[in-house]
Protein backbone atom coordinates (compact mmCIF):
# COMPACT_ATOMS: atom_id res chain seq x y z
CA MET A 1 82.07 78.86 91.05
CA VAL A 2 83.74 80.11 94.23
CA ARG A 3 83.29 79.05 97.81
CA LEU A 4 83.01 81.06 100.95
CA HIS A 5 86.42 80.47 102.45
CA ALA A 6 86.24 82.66 105.52
CA VAL A 7 84.59 85.47 107.40
CA ALA A 8 87.14 87.99 108.50
CA MET A 9 87.98 91.41 109.77
CA PRO A 10 91.39 91.95 108.19
CA SER A 11 92.04 95.43 109.58
CA LEU A 12 90.83 97.79 112.25
CA GLU A 13 89.50 100.22 109.62
CA LEU A 14 87.47 97.69 107.68
CA GLY A 15 84.30 95.99 108.81
CA PRO A 16 83.63 92.29 108.40
CA MET A 17 84.50 90.76 105.06
CA ALA A 18 83.80 87.52 103.26
CA LEU A 19 86.76 85.86 101.61
CA LEU A 20 85.63 84.03 98.47
CA GLN A 21 88.05 81.57 96.87
CA ASP A 22 88.22 80.00 93.45
CA PRO A 23 88.94 76.34 94.30
CA ARG A 24 90.97 75.92 91.10
CA SER A 25 93.46 78.68 91.91
CA GLU A 26 94.86 80.80 94.69
CA ARG A 27 92.62 83.70 93.69
CA ARG A 28 90.53 85.13 96.47
CA VAL A 29 88.18 88.09 96.58
CA LEU A 30 87.30 90.13 99.64
CA VAL A 31 83.70 91.35 99.76
CA ASN A 32 82.49 93.78 102.44
CA ILE A 33 79.63 92.35 104.47
CA GLY A 34 77.58 93.72 107.31
CA ALA A 35 78.03 92.72 110.93
CA PHE A 36 74.61 91.04 111.08
CA GLU A 37 75.29 89.01 107.93
CA ALA A 38 78.73 88.03 109.25
CA SER A 39 77.10 86.88 112.50
CA SER A 40 74.46 84.91 110.59
CA ILE A 41 77.11 83.18 108.46
CA ILE A 42 79.29 82.31 111.46
CA MET A 43 76.29 81.00 113.41
CA HIS A 44 75.35 78.77 110.49
CA LEU A 45 78.92 77.46 110.13
CA GLU A 46 79.05 76.72 113.85
CA GLY A 47 75.65 75.04 113.86
CA ILE A 48 74.25 77.57 116.33
CA LYS A 49 70.47 77.81 116.20
CA PRO A 50 69.09 80.98 117.80
CA GLY A 51 65.87 80.79 119.83
CA ARG A 52 64.10 82.76 117.12
CA PRO A 53 65.31 82.85 113.51
CA LEU A 54 67.47 85.68 112.28
CA THR A 55 66.36 87.46 109.10
CA HIS A 56 68.37 85.23 106.74
CA HIS A 57 67.20 82.06 108.49
CA LEU A 58 63.61 83.27 108.33
CA LEU A 59 63.75 84.19 104.64
CA ALA A 60 65.37 80.86 103.73
CA SER A 61 62.72 79.02 105.75
CA ILE A 62 59.85 80.90 104.08
CA MET A 63 61.35 80.23 100.66
CA ARG A 64 61.56 76.50 101.44
CA GLU A 65 57.94 76.48 102.70
CA GLN A 66 56.84 78.11 99.42
CA ASN A 67 58.92 75.64 97.33
CA LEU A 68 61.22 78.42 96.15
CA VAL A 69 64.76 77.17 95.54
CA ILE A 70 67.79 79.47 95.47
CA THR A 71 69.65 78.20 92.43
CA SER A 72 72.69 80.48 92.72
CA VAL A 73 74.15 83.73 93.91
CA GLU A 74 76.23 85.90 91.58
CA ILE A 75 78.65 88.56 92.78
CA HIS A 76 79.28 91.38 90.27
CA ALA A 77 81.81 94.18 90.07
CA ASP A 78 80.22 97.63 90.10
CA PRO A 79 81.64 100.66 88.35
CA PRO A 80 83.92 102.53 90.81
CA GLN A 81 81.51 105.44 91.33
CA THR A 82 78.58 103.30 92.53
CA GLY A 83 79.70 102.22 96.00
CA ASP A 84 81.90 99.59 97.58
CA GLY A 85 82.59 97.83 94.30
CA PHE A 86 80.21 94.88 94.40
CA SER A 87 76.58 94.03 93.80
CA ALA A 88 74.86 90.67 93.68
CA SER A 89 72.04 88.72 92.09
CA LEU A 90 69.93 86.13 93.85
CA ASN A 91 68.65 83.55 91.36
CA TYR A 92 65.75 81.38 92.41
CA ARG A 93 63.00 79.22 90.96
CA LYS A 94 59.71 77.55 91.70
CA GLY A 95 59.10 74.73 89.28
CA LEU A 96 59.81 76.11 85.80
CA PHE A 97 59.32 79.73 86.90
CA LYS A 98 62.75 81.44 87.31
CA ARG A 99 63.53 84.87 88.77
CA SER A 100 66.57 86.96 89.56
CA ARG A 101 66.71 89.80 92.08
CA ASN A 102 69.30 92.46 92.71
CA ILE A 103 70.47 92.06 96.31
CA ARG A 104 73.23 93.29 98.60
CA PRO A 105 76.27 90.98 98.41
CA SER A 106 76.21 90.43 102.18
CA ASP A 107 72.57 89.27 102.09
CA ALA A 108 73.26 87.10 99.05
CA LEU A 109 76.19 85.38 100.76
CA ALA A 110 74.25 84.82 104.00
CA LEU A 111 71.38 83.24 102.05
CA ALA A 112 73.78 81.14 99.95
CA VAL A 113 75.39 79.75 103.09
CA GLU A 114 72.00 79.10 104.71
CA THR A 115 70.67 77.24 101.63
CA ASP A 116 73.91 75.70 100.29
CA ALA A 117 73.44 77.60 97.02
CA PRO A 118 76.43 77.93 94.69
CA ILE A 119 78.23 81.29 94.57
CA TYR A 120 79.55 82.60 91.25
CA VAL A 121 81.98 85.40 90.52
CA ASN A 122 82.77 86.57 86.99
CA ALA A 123 86.21 85.26 85.94
CA ARG A 124 87.38 88.71 84.77
CA MET A 125 86.29 90.24 88.05
CA LEU A 126 88.01 87.49 90.01
CA GLU A 127 91.25 88.15 88.19
CA ALA A 128 91.00 91.93 88.51
CA THR A 129 90.13 92.00 92.22
CA ALA A 130 91.95 88.89 93.39
CA VAL A 131 94.19 88.98 96.40
CA LEU A 132 96.62 86.39 97.63
CA PHE A 133 96.20 85.36 101.23
CA ASP A 134 99.85 86.21 101.98
CA ASP A 135 99.22 89.80 100.79
CA LEU A 136 96.56 90.14 103.47
CA LEU A 137 99.06 89.15 106.15
CA ASP A 138 101.63 91.70 105.01
CA THR A 139 99.49 94.73 105.75
CA PRO A 140 100.66 96.61 108.87
CA ASP A 141 97.24 96.70 110.50
CA SER A 142 96.41 93.01 110.02
CA ILE A 143 94.83 91.54 113.09
CA PRO A 144 94.19 87.86 113.88
CA THR A 145 90.45 87.76 113.29
CA TRP A 146 90.10 85.32 110.41
CA TYR A 147 87.29 82.98 111.27
CA CYS A 148 87.56 79.70 109.38
CA ASP A 149 86.59 78.05 106.15
CA THR A 150 83.36 76.18 105.66
CA GLN A 151 84.99 72.89 106.67
CA HIS A 152 85.77 74.47 110.07
CA GLN A 153 89.51 74.29 109.47
CA PRO A 154 91.77 77.19 110.47
CA LEU A 155 92.87 79.19 107.47
CA HIS A 156 96.32 79.87 108.82
CA LYS A 157 97.42 78.38 112.13
CA GLU A 158 99.38 81.47 113.18
CA LEU A 159 96.22 83.53 112.95
CA LEU A 160 94.04 81.54 115.33
């Protein structure tokens, strides 16, 4: 299991990214996410409740009303030719009935944060795509836009 460690924009060329961390190691994986999903995640972490629910808030609310429980989110590595490198599965249940849906990683992460569902990344994928936080700081176009971890603690005091 990994945890959402941060929402970030590590360079001017890249859009928002989620930084997932294996709590047992220093391995972290960057996953591209959309601007709306990044906003939804940050709003949830900050406890900001919009006047009307955003899409991820609405879907999570409807699922709760229908007694559907998100049991986990899985992030998968895609073959290089299929896109940005990641796909995801949303696993949910109602009673004994279990389902799994293919979903964009950004939507999966936003729903996992909204519902406190566990996030899983394949161990081989984590090792193959892992980055060390210090490597992210060494890139010439790094900019100080790391948000914070889910305990609202700065990731690196020089960045905030």
